[in-house]
């Protein structure tokens, strides 16, 4: 089943996010290589593809996991959590309708 992992950044976490990004992306690449990643990306803090120093307010990952518990365990191991980037992470089932 698909699960949405919705993360919210802590204030003033942009530099920690930048420093940790390669490790975060490496984990997403594993999901992609396994054919389990539907989409992933950050939420810019402003209406721009490149928000610069405005940074990001969080991230969204939609991926396939065996069950909700597996998705939660995967989300809790995100390098952004260890780097103190995320203030909150919500994991919930997701049903793709379109396209």
Protein backbone atom coordinates (compact mmCIF):
# COMPACT_ATOMS: atom_id res chain seq x y z
CA UNK A 1 0.00 0.00 0.00
CA UNK A 2 1.05 3.60 -0.49
CA UNK A 3 1.77 5.88 2.46
CA UNK A 4 2.20 9.64 2.65
CA UNK A 5 5.01 10.87 4.88
CA UNK A 6 4.40 14.53 5.63
CA UNK A 7 7.20 16.30 7.48
CA UNK A 8 7.38 19.81 8.89
CA UNK A 9 10.69 21.61 9.30
CA UNK A 10 11.79 23.35 12.47
CA UNK A 11 12.41 27.09 12.19
CA UNK A 12 15.96 28.02 11.22
CA UNK A 13 16.81 24.49 10.09
CA UNK A 14 17.90 25.32 6.52
CA UNK A 15 21.63 24.83 7.07
CA UNK A 16 21.07 21.51 8.83
CA UNK A 17 18.80 20.49 5.94
CA UNK A 18 21.48 21.40 3.39
CA UNK A 19 24.19 19.53 5.30
CA UNK A 20 22.08 16.38 5.63
CA UNK A 21 20.45 16.38 2.19
CA UNK A 22 22.84 13.87 0.54
CA UNK A 23 22.02 11.26 3.22
CA UNK A 24 18.29 11.97 2.97
CA UNK A 25 18.39 11.61 -0.83
CA UNK A 26 20.38 8.36 -0.64
CA UNK A 27 17.54 6.73 1.32
CA UNK A 28 14.99 7.97 -1.21
CA UNK A 29 17.13 6.61 -4.03
CA UNK A 30 16.90 3.13 -2.48
CA UNK A 31 13.09 3.35 -2.57
CA UNK A 32 13.29 4.57 -6.18
CA UNK A 33 15.60 1.72 -7.17
CA UNK A 34 13.17 -0.76 -5.60
CA UNK A 35 10.27 0.76 -7.58
CA UNK A 36 8.49 1.83 -4.38
CA UNK A 37 8.76 5.64 -4.61
CA UNK A 38 5.81 7.47 -6.15
CA UNK A 39 7.04 11.00 -5.44
CA UNK A 40 9.20 12.99 -3.04
CA UNK A 41 10.17 16.59 -2.54
CA UNK A 42 10.30 19.60 -0.26
CA UNK A 43 7.78 22.37 0.33
CA UNK A 44 9.44 25.71 -0.50
CA UNK A 45 8.74 28.42 2.08
CA UNK A 46 7.90 30.85 -0.73
CA UNK A 47 6.25 30.49 -4.14
CA UNK A 48 9.46 29.60 -5.98
CA UNK A 49 11.26 26.52 -7.26
CA UNK A 50 14.42 27.92 -5.65
CA UNK A 51 13.47 29.64 -2.39
CA UNK A 52 17.06 30.52 -1.53
CA UNK A 53 17.49 31.61 2.06
CA UNK A 54 13.71 31.44 2.63
CA UNK A 55 14.25 27.69 2.75
CA UNK A 56 11.61 25.03 3.13
CA UNK A 57 8.72 24.28 5.44
CA UNK A 58 8.85 20.51 5.16
CA UNK A 59 8.75 17.54 2.82
CA UNK A 60 6.37 15.04 1.27
CA UNK A 61 7.19 11.44 0.39
CA UNK A 62 4.66 9.03 -1.09
CA UNK A 63 5.98 5.49 -1.25
CA UNK A 64 4.93 1.86 -1.03
CA UNK A 65 5.44 -0.06 2.22
CA UNK A 66 4.12 -3.38 3.51
CA UNK A 67 2.07 -1.69 6.23
CA UNK A 68 1.69 1.47 8.28
CA UNK A 69 4.18 0.33 10.90
CA UNK A 70 6.85 -0.28 8.25
CA UNK A 71 6.25 3.18 6.81
CA UNK A 72 6.54 4.74 10.28
CA UNK A 73 9.77 2.89 11.03
CA UNK A 74 11.25 4.04 7.72
CA UNK A 75 10.15 7.65 8.35
CA UNK A 76 11.58 7.68 11.88
CA UNK A 77 15.01 6.71 10.52
CA UNK A 78 15.24 9.73 8.21
CA UNK A 79 18.57 11.55 8.56
CA UNK A 80 16.66 14.83 8.82
CA UNK A 81 15.27 13.66 12.16
CA UNK A 82 18.73 12.92 13.55
CA UNK A 83 19.94 16.28 12.20
CA UNK A 84 17.10 18.07 14.01
CA UNK A 85 15.52 19.38 10.80
CA UNK A 86 12.00 18.02 11.30
CA UNK A 87 9.68 19.28 14.02
CA UNK A 88 6.93 16.81 13.17
CA UNK A 89 6.42 13.79 10.91
CA UNK A 90 2.99 12.36 10.05
CA UNK A 91 2.60 9.01 8.29
CA UNK A 92 -0.74 7.94 6.90
CA UNK A 93 -2.17 5.65 4.24
CA UNK A 94 -2.53 7.14 0.78
CA UNK A 95 -4.75 5.97 -2.04
CA UNK A 96 -3.74 7.17 -5.49
CA UNK A 97 -6.74 7.96 -7.66
CA UNK A 98 -5.28 10.06 -10.50
CA UNK A 99 -3.46 10.02 -12.80
